[in-house]
PDB file of N, CA and C in Angstrom:
ATOM      1  N   UNK A   1      -1.508  64.098   9.819  1.00  0.00           N
ATOM      2  CA  UNK A   1      -0.394  64.260  10.714  1.00  0.00           C
ATOM      3  C   UNK A   1      -0.706  63.526  12.017  1.00  0.00           C
ATOM      4  N   UNK A   2       0.236  62.726  12.461  1.00  0.00           N
ATOM      5  CA  UNK A   2       0.051  61.987  13.695  1.00  0.00           C
ATOM      6  C   UNK A   2       0.412  62.888  14.870  1.00  0.00           C
ATOM      7  N   UNK A   3      -0.478  62.914  15.863  1.00  0.00           N
ATOM      8  CA  UNK A   3      -0.220  63.782  17.005  1.00  0.00           C
ATOM      9  C   UNK A   3      -0.402  63.064  18.337  1.00  0.00           C
ATOM     10  N   UNK A   4      -0.670  61.775  18.305  1.00  0.00           N
ATOM     11  CA  UNK A   4      -0.863  61.019  19.541  1.00  0.00           C
ATOM     12  C   UNK A   4      -0.219  59.652  19.393  1.00  0.00           C
ATOM     13  N   UNK A   5       0.001  59.017  20.518  1.00  0.00           N
ATOM     14  CA  UNK A   5       0.593  57.683  20.501  1.00  0.00           C
ATOM     15  C   UNK A   5      -0.244  56.742  21.350  1.00  0.00           C
ATOM     16  N   UNK A   6      -0.103  55.468  21.069  1.00  0.00           N
ATOM     17  CA  UNK A   6      -0.696  54.448  21.918  1.00  0.00           C
ATOM     18  C   UNK A   6       0.296  54.126  23.023  1.00  0.00           C
ATOM     19  N   UNK A   7      -0.211  53.614  24.133  1.00  0.00           N
ATOM     20  CA  UNK A   7       0.722  53.212  25.188  1.00  0.00           C
ATOM     21  C   UNK A   7       1.583  52.046  24.714  1.00  0.00           C
ATOM     22  N   UNK A   8       2.749  51.911  25.322  1.00  0.00           N
ATOM     23  CA  UNK A   8       3.621  50.779  25.001  1.00  0.00           C
ATOM     24  C   UNK A   8       2.881  49.490  25.279  1.00  0.00           C
ATOM     25  N   UNK A   9       3.170  48.503  24.474  1.00  0.00           N
ATOM     26  CA  UNK A   9       2.488  47.226  24.594  1.00  0.00           C
ATOM     27  C   UNK A   9       3.518  46.128  24.800  1.00  0.00           C
ATOM     28  N   UNK A  10       3.449  45.500  25.951  1.00  0.00           N
ATOM     29  CA  UNK A  10       4.356  44.384  26.224  1.00  0.00           C
ATOM     30  C   UNK A  10       3.676  43.099  25.780  1.00  0.00           C
ATOM     31  N   UNK A  11       4.411  42.327  24.973  1.00  0.00           N
ATOM     32  CA  UNK A  11       3.863  41.079  24.467  1.00  0.00           C
ATOM     33  C   UNK A  11       4.892  39.970  24.631  1.00  0.00           C
ATOM     34  N   UNK A  12       4.412  38.755  24.516  1.00  0.00           N
ATOM     35  CA  UNK A  12       5.272  37.588  24.533  1.00  0.00           C
ATOM     36  C   UNK A  12       6.196  37.657  23.321  1.00  0.00           C
ATOM     37  N   UNK A  13       7.458  37.320  23.460  1.00  0.00           N
ATOM     38  CA  UNK A  13       8.378  37.374  22.308  1.00  0.00           C
ATOM     39  C   UNK A  13       7.887  36.555  21.118  1.00  0.00           C
ATOM     40  N   UNK A  14       7.186  35.461  21.367  1.00  0.00           N
ATOM     41  CA  UNK A  14       6.668  34.640  20.272  1.00  0.00           C
ATOM     42  C   UNK A  14       5.619  35.403  19.465  1.00  0.00           C
ATOM     43  N   UNK A  15       4.776  36.179  20.144  1.00  0.00           N
ATOM     44  CA  UNK A  15       3.773  36.978  19.435  1.00  0.00           C
ATOM     45  C   UNK A  15       4.456  38.009  18.550  1.00  0.00           C
ATOM     46  N   UNK A  16       5.487  38.642  19.057  1.00  0.00           N
ATOM     47  CA  UNK A  16       6.201  39.623  18.244  1.00  0.00           C
ATOM     48  C   UNK A  16       6.833  38.961  17.020  1.00  0.00           C
ATOM     49  N   UNK A  17       7.464  37.797  17.234  1.00  0.00           N
ATOM     50  CA  UNK A  17       8.064  37.077  16.095  1.00  0.00           C
ATOM     51  C   UNK A  17       6.999  36.710  15.067  1.00  0.00           C
ATOM     52  N   UNK A  18       5.843  36.240  15.554  1.00  0.00           N
ATOM     53  CA  UNK A  18       4.759  35.876  14.638  1.00  0.00           C
ATOM     54  C   UNK A  18       4.287  37.083  13.834  1.00  0.00           C
ATOM     55  N   UNK A  19       4.162  38.234  14.500  1.00  0.00           N
ATOM     56  CA  UNK A  19       3.730  39.449  13.807  1.00  0.00           C
ATOM     57  C   UNK A  19       4.774  39.878  12.775  1.00  0.00           C
ATOM     58  N   UNK A  20       6.022  39.844  13.159  1.00  0.00           N
ATOM     59  CA  UNK A  20       7.084  40.238  12.233  1.00  0.00           C
ATOM     60  C   UNK A  20       7.175  39.279  11.046  1.00  0.00           C
ATOM     61  N   UNK A  21       6.839  38.015  11.276  1.00  0.00           N
ATOM     62  CA  UNK A  21       6.930  37.008  10.219  1.00  0.00           C
ATOM     63  C   UNK A  21       5.899  37.214   9.117  1.00  0.00           C
ATOM     64  N   UNK A  22       4.830  37.910   9.412  1.00  0.00           N
ATOM     65  CA  UNK A  22       3.787  38.094   8.397  1.00  0.00           C
ATOM     66  C   UNK A  22       3.781  39.500   7.797  1.00  0.00           C
ATOM     67  N   UNK A  23       4.736  40.305   8.148  1.00  0.00           N
ATOM     68  CA  UNK A  23       4.811  41.645   7.565  1.00  0.00           C
ATOM     69  C   UNK A  23       5.030  41.544   6.064  1.00  0.00           C
ATOM     70  N   UNK A  24       4.345  42.404   5.339  1.00  0.00           N
ATOM     71  CA  UNK A  24       4.511  42.442   3.893  1.00  0.00           C
ATOM     72  C   UNK A  24       5.680  43.350   3.542  1.00  0.00           C
ATOM     73  N   UNK A  25       6.131  43.255   2.311  1.00  0.00           N
ATOM     74  CA  UNK A  25       7.280  44.047   1.876  1.00  0.00           C
ATOM     75  C   UNK A  25       7.034  45.536   2.116  1.00  0.00           C
ATOM     76  N   UNK A  26       7.967  46.187   2.779  1.00  0.00           N
ATOM     77  CA  UNK A  26       7.869  47.610   3.057  1.00  0.00           C
ATOM     78  C   UNK A  26       7.004  47.956   4.257  1.00  0.00           C
ATOM     79  N   UNK A  27       6.384  46.968   4.851  1.00  0.00           N
ATOM     80  CA  UNK A  27       5.502  47.210   6.000  1.00  0.00           C
ATOM     81  C   UNK A  27       6.313  47.158   7.287  1.00  0.00           C
ATOM     82  N   UNK A  28       6.016  48.086   8.185  1.00  0.00           N
ATOM     83  CA  UNK A  28       6.681  48.090   9.484  1.00  0.00           C
ATOM     84  C   UNK A  28       5.751  47.491  10.531  1.00  0.00           C
ATOM     85  N   UNK A  29       6.334  47.104  11.627  1.00  0.00           N
ATOM     86  CA  UNK A  29       5.522  46.580  12.715  1.00  0.00           C
ATOM     87  C   UNK A  29       4.548  47.654  13.199  1.00  0.00           C
ATOM     88  N   UNK A  30       4.994  48.893  13.240  1.00  0.00           N
ATOM     89  CA  UNK A  30       4.119  49.990  13.660  1.00  0.00           C
ATOM     90  C   UNK A  30       2.942  50.162  12.706  1.00  0.00           C
ATOM     91  N   UNK A  31       3.190  50.119  11.395  1.00  0.00           N
ATOM     92  CA  UNK A  31       2.090  50.289  10.435  1.00  0.00           C
ATOM     93  C   UNK A  31       1.145  49.093  10.497  1.00  0.00           C
ATOM     94  N   UNK A  32       1.688  47.904  10.724  1.00  0.00           N
ATOM     95  CA  UNK A  32       0.859  46.711  10.879  1.00  0.00           C
ATOM     96  C   UNK A  32      -0.059  46.856  12.089  1.00  0.00           C
ATOM     97  N   UNK A  33       0.494  47.312  13.198  1.00  0.00           N
ATOM     98  CA  UNK A  33      -0.310  47.493  14.407  1.00  0.00           C
ATOM     99  C   UNK A  33      -1.363  48.577  14.216  1.00  0.00           C
ATOM    100  N   UNK A  34      -0.987  49.677  13.591  1.00  0.00           N
ATOM    101  CA  UNK A  34      -1.955  50.749  13.363  1.00  0.00           C
ATOM    102  C   UNK A  34      -3.109  50.266  12.481  1.00  0.00           C
ATOM    103  N   UNK A  35      -2.786  49.561  11.401  1.00  0.00           N
ATOM    104  CA  UNK A  35      -3.830  49.043  10.518  1.00  0.00           C
ATOM    105  C   UNK A  35      -4.720  48.041  11.263  1.00  0.00           C
ATOM    106  N   UNK A  36      -4.108  47.211  12.087  1.00  0.00           N
ATOM    107  CA  UNK A  36      -4.876  46.225  12.857  1.00  0.00           C
ATOM    108  C   UNK A  36      -5.843  46.907  13.819  1.00  0.00           C
ATOM    109  N   UNK A  37      -5.388  47.955  14.472  1.00  0.00           N
ATOM    110  CA  UNK A  37      -6.251  48.691  15.392  1.00  0.00           C
ATOM    111  C   UNK A  37      -7.392  49.344  14.617  1.00  0.00           C
ATOM    112  N   UNK A  38      -7.089  49.953  13.475  1.00  0.00           N
ATOM    113  CA  UNK A  38      -8.137  50.582  12.661  1.00  0.00           C
ATOM    114  C   UNK A  38      -9.181  49.557  12.206  1.00  0.00           C
ATOM    115  N   UNK A  39      -8.719  48.383  11.775  1.00  0.00           N
ATOM    116  CA  UNK A  39      -9.647  47.346  11.327  1.00  0.00           C
ATOM    117  C   UNK A  39     -10.505  46.841  12.483  1.00  0.00           C
ATOM    118  N   UNK A  40      -9.914  46.701  13.655  1.00  0.00           N
ATOM    119  CA  UNK A  40     -10.674  46.239  14.815  1.00  0.00           C
ATOM    120  C   UNK A  40     -11.712  47.286  15.242  1.00  0.00           C
ATOM    121  N   UNK A  41     -11.356  48.553  15.149  1.00  0.00           N
ATOM    122  CA  UNK A  41     -12.314  49.627  15.457  1.00  0.00           C
ATOM    123  C   UNK A  41     -13.502  49.535  14.499  1.00  0.00           C
ATOM    124  N   UNK A  42     -13.224  49.363  13.204  1.00  0.00           N
ATOM    125  CA  UNK A  42     -14.298  49.264  12.216  1.00  0.00           C
ATOM    126  C   UNK A  42     -15.168  48.039  12.479  1.00  0.00           C
ATOM    127  N   UNK A  43     -14.551  46.910  12.793  1.00  0.00           N
ATOM    128  CA  UNK A  43     -15.314  45.694  13.086  1.00  0.00           C
ATOM    129  C   UNK A  43     -16.241  45.901  14.285  1.00  0.00           C
ATOM    130  N   UNK A  44     -15.743  46.554  15.308  1.00  0.00           N
ATOM    131  CA  UNK A  44     -16.571  46.794  16.495  1.00  0.00           C
ATOM    132  C   UNK A  44     -17.698  47.777  16.203  1.00  0.00           C
ATOM    133  N   UNK A  45     -17.442  48.774  15.382  1.00  0.00           N
ATOM    134  CA  UNK A  45     -18.511  49.698  14.989  1.00  0.00           C
ATOM    135  C   UNK A  45     -19.596  48.966  14.205  1.00  0.00           C
ATOM    136  N   UNK A  46     -19.162  48.110  13.293  1.00  0.00           N
ATOM    137  CA  UNK A  46     -20.130  47.336  12.508  1.00  0.00           C
ATOM    138  C   UNK A  46     -20.946  46.418  13.413  1.00  0.00           C
ATOM    139  N   UNK A  47     -20.285  45.780  14.373  1.00  0.00           N
ATOM    140  CA  UNK A  47     -20.992  44.890  15.300  1.00  0.00           C
ATOM    141  C   UNK A  47     -21.985  45.674  16.145  1.00  0.00           C
ATOM    142  N   UNK A  48     -21.574  46.840  16.639  1.00  0.00           N
ATOM    143  CA  UNK A  48     -22.481  47.675  17.438  1.00  0.00           C
ATOM    144  C   UNK A  48     -23.697  48.099  16.616  1.00  0.00           C
ATOM    145  N   UNK A  49     -23.468  48.465  15.360  1.00  0.00           N
ATOM    146  CA  UNK A  49     -24.572  48.878  14.490  1.00  0.00           C
ATOM    147  C   UNK A  49     -25.504  47.696  14.217  1.00  0.00           C
ATOM    148  N   UNK A  50     -24.932  46.514  14.014  1.00  0.00           N
ATOM    149  CA  UNK A  50     -25.729  45.315  13.776  1.00  0.00           C
ATOM    150  C   UNK A  50     -26.619  45.020  14.979  1.00  0.00           C
ATOM    151  N   UNK A  51     -26.043  45.095  16.163  1.00  0.00           N
ATOM    152  CA  UNK A  51     -26.808  44.844  17.387  1.00  0.00           C
ATOM    153  C   UNK A  51     -27.899  45.891  17.553  1.00  0.00           C
ATOM    154  N   UNK A  52     -27.572  47.143  17.285  1.00  0.00           N
ATOM    155  CA  UNK A  52     -28.571  48.215  17.402  1.00  0.00           C
ATOM    156  C   UNK A  52     -29.733  47.981  16.439  1.00  0.00           C
ATOM    157  N   UNK A  53     -29.423  47.559  15.196  1.00  0.00           N
ATOM    158  CA  UNK A  53     -30.495  47.277  14.231  1.00  0.00           C
ATOM    159  C   UNK A  53     -31.359  46.111  14.708  1.00  0.00           C
ATOM    160  N   UNK A  54     -30.724  45.091  15.260  1.00  0.00           N
ATOM    161  CA  UNK A  54     -31.471  43.942  15.760  1.00  0.00           C
ATOM    162  C   UNK A  54     -32.381  44.316  16.909  1.00  0.00           C
ATOM    163  N   UNK A  55     -31.873  45.125  17.841  1.00  0.00           N
ATOM    164  CA  UNK A  55     -32.688  45.566  18.973  1.00  0.00           C
ATOM    165  C   UNK A  55     -33.849  46.435  18.498  1.00  0.00           C
ATOM    166  N   UNK A  56     -33.585  47.322  17.543  1.00  0.00           N
ATOM    167  CA  UNK A  56     -34.645  48.181  17.014  1.00  0.00           C
ATOM    168  C   UNK A  56     -35.709  47.338  16.317  1.00  0.00           C
ATOM    169  N   UNK A  57     -35.272  46.329  15.583  1.00  0.00           N
ATOM    170  CA  UNK A  57     -36.218  45.444  14.904  1.00  0.00           C
ATOM    171  C   UNK A  57     -37.060  44.683  15.911  1.00  0.00           C
ATOM    172  N   UNK A  58     -36.433  44.230  16.970  1.00  0.00           N
ATOM    173  CA  UNK A  58     -37.159  43.509  18.022  1.00  0.00           C
ATOM    174  C   UNK A  58     -38.205  44.409  18.670  1.00  0.00           C
ATOM    175  N   UNK A  59     -37.808  45.638  18.953  1.00  0.00           N
ATOM    176  CA  UNK A  59     -38.743  46.588  19.564  1.00  0.00           C
ATOM    177  C   UNK A  59     -39.906  46.898  18.615  1.00  0.00           C
ATOM    178  N   UNK A  60     -39.604  47.041  17.328  1.00  0.00           N
ATOM    179  CA  UNK A  60     -40.660  47.312  16.343  1.00  0.00           C
ATOM    180  C   UNK A  60     -41.625  46.133  16.260  1.00  0.00           C
ATOM    181  N   UNK A  61     -41.091  44.928  16.308  1.00  0.00           N
ATOM    182  CA  UNK A  61     -41.951  43.742  16.264  1.00  0.00           C
ATOM    183  C   UNK A  61     -42.827  43.665  17.516  1.00  0.00           C
ATOM    184  N   UNK A  62     -42.260  44.013  18.640  1.00  0.00           N
ATOM    185  CA  UNK A  62     -43.050  43.995  19.871  1.00  0.00           C
ATOM    186  C   UNK A  62     -44.173  45.024  19.816  1.00  0.00           C
ATOM    187  N   UNK A  63     -43.864  46.211  19.277  1.00  0.00           N
ATOM    188  CA  UNK A  63     -44.876  47.256  19.179  1.00  0.00           C
ATOM    189  C   UNK A  63     -45.989  46.871  18.210  1.00  0.00           C
ATOM    190  N   UNK A  64     -45.613  46.295  17.077  1.00  0.00           N
ATOM    191  CA  UNK A  64     -46.604  45.983  16.047  1.00  0.00           C
ATOM    192  C   UNK A  64     -47.262  44.627  16.252  1.00  0.00           C
ATOM    193  N   UNK A  65     -46.578  43.756  16.978  1.00  0.00           N
ATOM    194  CA  UNK A  65     -47.086  42.404  17.152  1.00  0.00           C
ATOM    195  C   UNK A  65     -46.899  41.538  15.907  1.00  0.00           C
ATOM    196  N   UNK A  66     -46.136  42.047  14.945  1.00  0.00           N
ATOM    197  CA  UNK A  66     -45.929  41.333  13.687  1.00  0.00           C
ATOM    198  C   UNK A  66     -44.595  40.587  13.727  1.00  0.00           C
ATOM    199  N   UNK A  67     -44.685  39.271  13.694  1.00  0.00           N
ATOM    200  CA  UNK A  67     -43.497  38.424  13.734  1.00  0.00           C
ATOM    201  C   UNK A  67     -43.522  37.483  12.533  1.00  0.00           C
ATOM    202  N   UNK A  68     -42.350  36.976  12.137  1.00  0.00           N
ATOM    203  CA  UNK A  68     -42.248  36.056  11.014  1.00  0.00           C
ATOM    204  C   UNK A  68     -41.577  34.776  11.478  1.00  0.00           C
ATOM    205  N   UNK A  69     -42.100  33.654  11.044  1.00  0.00           N
ATOM    206  CA  UNK A  69     -41.543  32.356  11.376  1.00  0.00           C
ATOM    207  C   UNK A  69     -40.234  32.163  10.603  1.00  0.00           C
ATOM    208  N   UNK A  70     -39.190  31.742  11.295  1.00  0.00           N
ATOM    209  CA  UNK A  70     -37.880  31.581  10.659  1.00  0.00           C
ATOM    210  C   UNK A  70     -37.923  30.587   9.509  1.00  0.00           C
ATOM    211  N   UNK A  71     -38.640  29.493   9.665  1.00  0.00           N
ATOM    212  CA  UNK A  71     -38.717  28.501   8.589  1.00  0.00           C
ATOM    213  C   UNK A  71     -39.357  29.094   7.342  1.00  0.00           C
ATOM    214  N   UNK A  72     -40.374  29.924   7.531  1.00  0.00           N
ATOM    215  CA  UNK A  72     -41.027  30.556   6.385  1.00  0.00           C
ATOM    216  C   UNK A  72     -40.084  31.550   5.701  1.00  0.00           C
ATOM    217  N   UNK A  73     -39.341  32.299   6.493  1.00  0.00           N
ATOM    218  CA  UNK A  73     -38.385  33.256   5.926  1.00  0.00           C
ATOM    219  C   UNK A  73     -37.314  32.508   5.146  1.00  0.00           C
ATOM    220  N   UNK A  74     -36.785  31.436   5.730  1.00  0.00           N
ATOM    221  CA  UNK A  74     -35.753  30.660   5.026  1.00  0.00           C
ATOM    222  C   UNK A  74     -36.290  30.078   3.732  1.00  0.00           C
ATOM    223  N   UNK A  75     -37.513  29.582   3.763  1.00  0.00           N
ATOM    224  CA  UNK A  75     -38.120  29.020   2.552  1.00  0.00           C
ATOM    225  C   UNK A  75     -38.264  30.095   1.478  1.00  0.00           C
ATOM    226  N   UNK A  76     -38.720  31.264   1.867  1.00  0.00           N
ATOM    227  CA  UNK A  76     -38.881  32.348   0.896  1.00  0.00           C
ATOM    228  C   UNK A  76     -37.541  32.786   0.321  1.00  0.00           C
ATOM    229  N   UNK A  77     -36.518  32.885   1.186  1.00  0.00           N
ATOM    230  CA  UNK A  77     -35.189  33.246   0.693  1.00  0.00           C
ATOM    231  C   UNK A  77     -34.649  32.177  -0.253  1.00  0.00           C
ATOM    232  N   UNK A  78     -34.916  30.905   0.076  1.00  0.00           N
ATOM    233  CA  UNK A  78     -34.497  29.822  -0.815  1.00  0.00           C
ATOM    234  C   UNK A  78     -35.148  29.926  -2.165  1.00  0.00           C
ATOM    235  N   UNK A  79     -36.437  30.263  -2.187  1.00  0.00           N
ATOM    236  CA  UNK A  79     -37.145  30.447  -3.457  1.00  0.00           C
ATOM    237  C   UNK A  79     -36.548  31.603  -4.252  1.00  0.00           C
ATOM    238  N   UNK A  80     -36.225  32.686  -3.552  1.00  0.00           N
ATOM    239  CA  UNK A  80     -35.634  33.840  -4.230  1.00  0.00           C
ATOM    240  C   UNK A  80     -34.270  33.468  -4.824  1.00  0.00           C
ATOM    241  N   UNK A  81     -33.488  32.698  -4.087  1.00  0.00           N
ATOM    242  CA  UNK A  81     -32.176  32.280  -4.572  1.00  0.00           C
ATOM    243  C   UNK A  81     -32.311  31.383  -5.801  1.00  0.00           C
ATOM    244  N   UNK A  82     -33.215  30.408  -5.726  1.00  0.00           N
ATOM    245  CA  UNK A  82     -33.416  29.510  -6.863  1.00  0.00           C
ATOM    246  C   UNK A  82     -33.885  30.285  -8.104  1.00  0.00           C
ATOM    247  N   UNK A  83     -34.764  31.248  -7.909  1.00  0.00           N
ATOM    248  CA  UNK A  83     -35.244  32.053  -9.037  1.00  0.00           C
ATOM    249  C   UNK A  83     -34.104  32.866  -9.645  1.00  0.00           C
ATOM    250  N   UNK A  84     -33.265  33.436  -8.807  1.00  0.00           N
ATOM    251  CA  UNK A  84     -32.134  34.226  -9.304  1.00  0.00           C
ATOM    252  C   UNK A  84     -31.145  33.335 -10.048  1.00  0.00           C
ATOM    253  N   UNK A  85     -30.909  32.135  -9.514  1.00  0.00           N
ATOM    254  CA  UNK A  85     -29.998  31.211 -10.182  1.00  0.00           C
ATOM    255  C   UNK A  85     -30.558  30.771 -11.524  1.00  0.00           C
ATOM    256  N   UNK A  86     -31.868  30.554 -11.587  1.00  0.00           N
ATOM    257  CA  UNK A  86     -32.499  30.138 -12.847  1.00  0.00           C
ATOM    258  C   UNK A  86     -32.386  31.242 -13.889  1.00  0.00           C
ATOM    259  N   UNK A  87     -32.538  32.491 -13.455  1.00  0.00           N
ATOM    260  CA  UNK A  87     -32.439  33.620 -14.395  1.00  0.00           C
ATOM    261  C   UNK A  87     -31.022  33.757 -14.935  1.00  0.00           C
ATOM    262  N   UNK A  88     -30.031  33.468 -14.082  1.00  0.00           N
ATOM    263  CA  UNK A  88     -28.649  33.659 -14.524  1.00  0.00           C
ATOM    264  C   UNK A  88     -28.025  32.387 -15.082  1.00  0.00           C
ATOM    265  N   UNK A  89     -28.770  31.278 -15.003  1.00  0.00           N
ATOM    266  CA  UNK A  89     -28.257  30.024 -15.541  1.00  0.00           C
ATOM    267  C   UNK A  89     -27.235  29.352 -14.646  1.00  0.00           C
ATOM    268  N   UNK A  90     -27.202  29.689 -13.360  1.00  0.00           N
ATOM    269  CA  UNK A  90     -26.225  29.133 -12.414  1.00  0.00           C
ATOM    270  C   UNK A  90     -26.782  27.944 -11.651  1.00  0.00           C
ATOM    271  N   UNK A  91     -27.295  27.011 -12.300  1.00  0.00           N
ATOM    272  CA  UNK A  91     -27.887  25.861 -11.607  1.00  0.00           C
ATOM    273  C   UNK A  91     -26.855  24.994 -11.064  1.00  0.00           C
TER     274      UNK A  91
END
């Protein structure tokens, strides 16, 4: 059940026309906006979590003093990819 609203949003008439032009069958401008806001919230949560993991990894590396050379990591990942492709026949 919906119990709150977003504030009114004033936009350029061209933006509104563009949004209305891409609505799918049965979709309203309100449902399009709500879905867009939900997707943007999820994207920002994912980005925040990604940054937090990166910062935690950096702190762990600083504490342990254990670092990996990017070229070596890329080479190892390339080897893993080639091995997986060879196993599946996707050369």
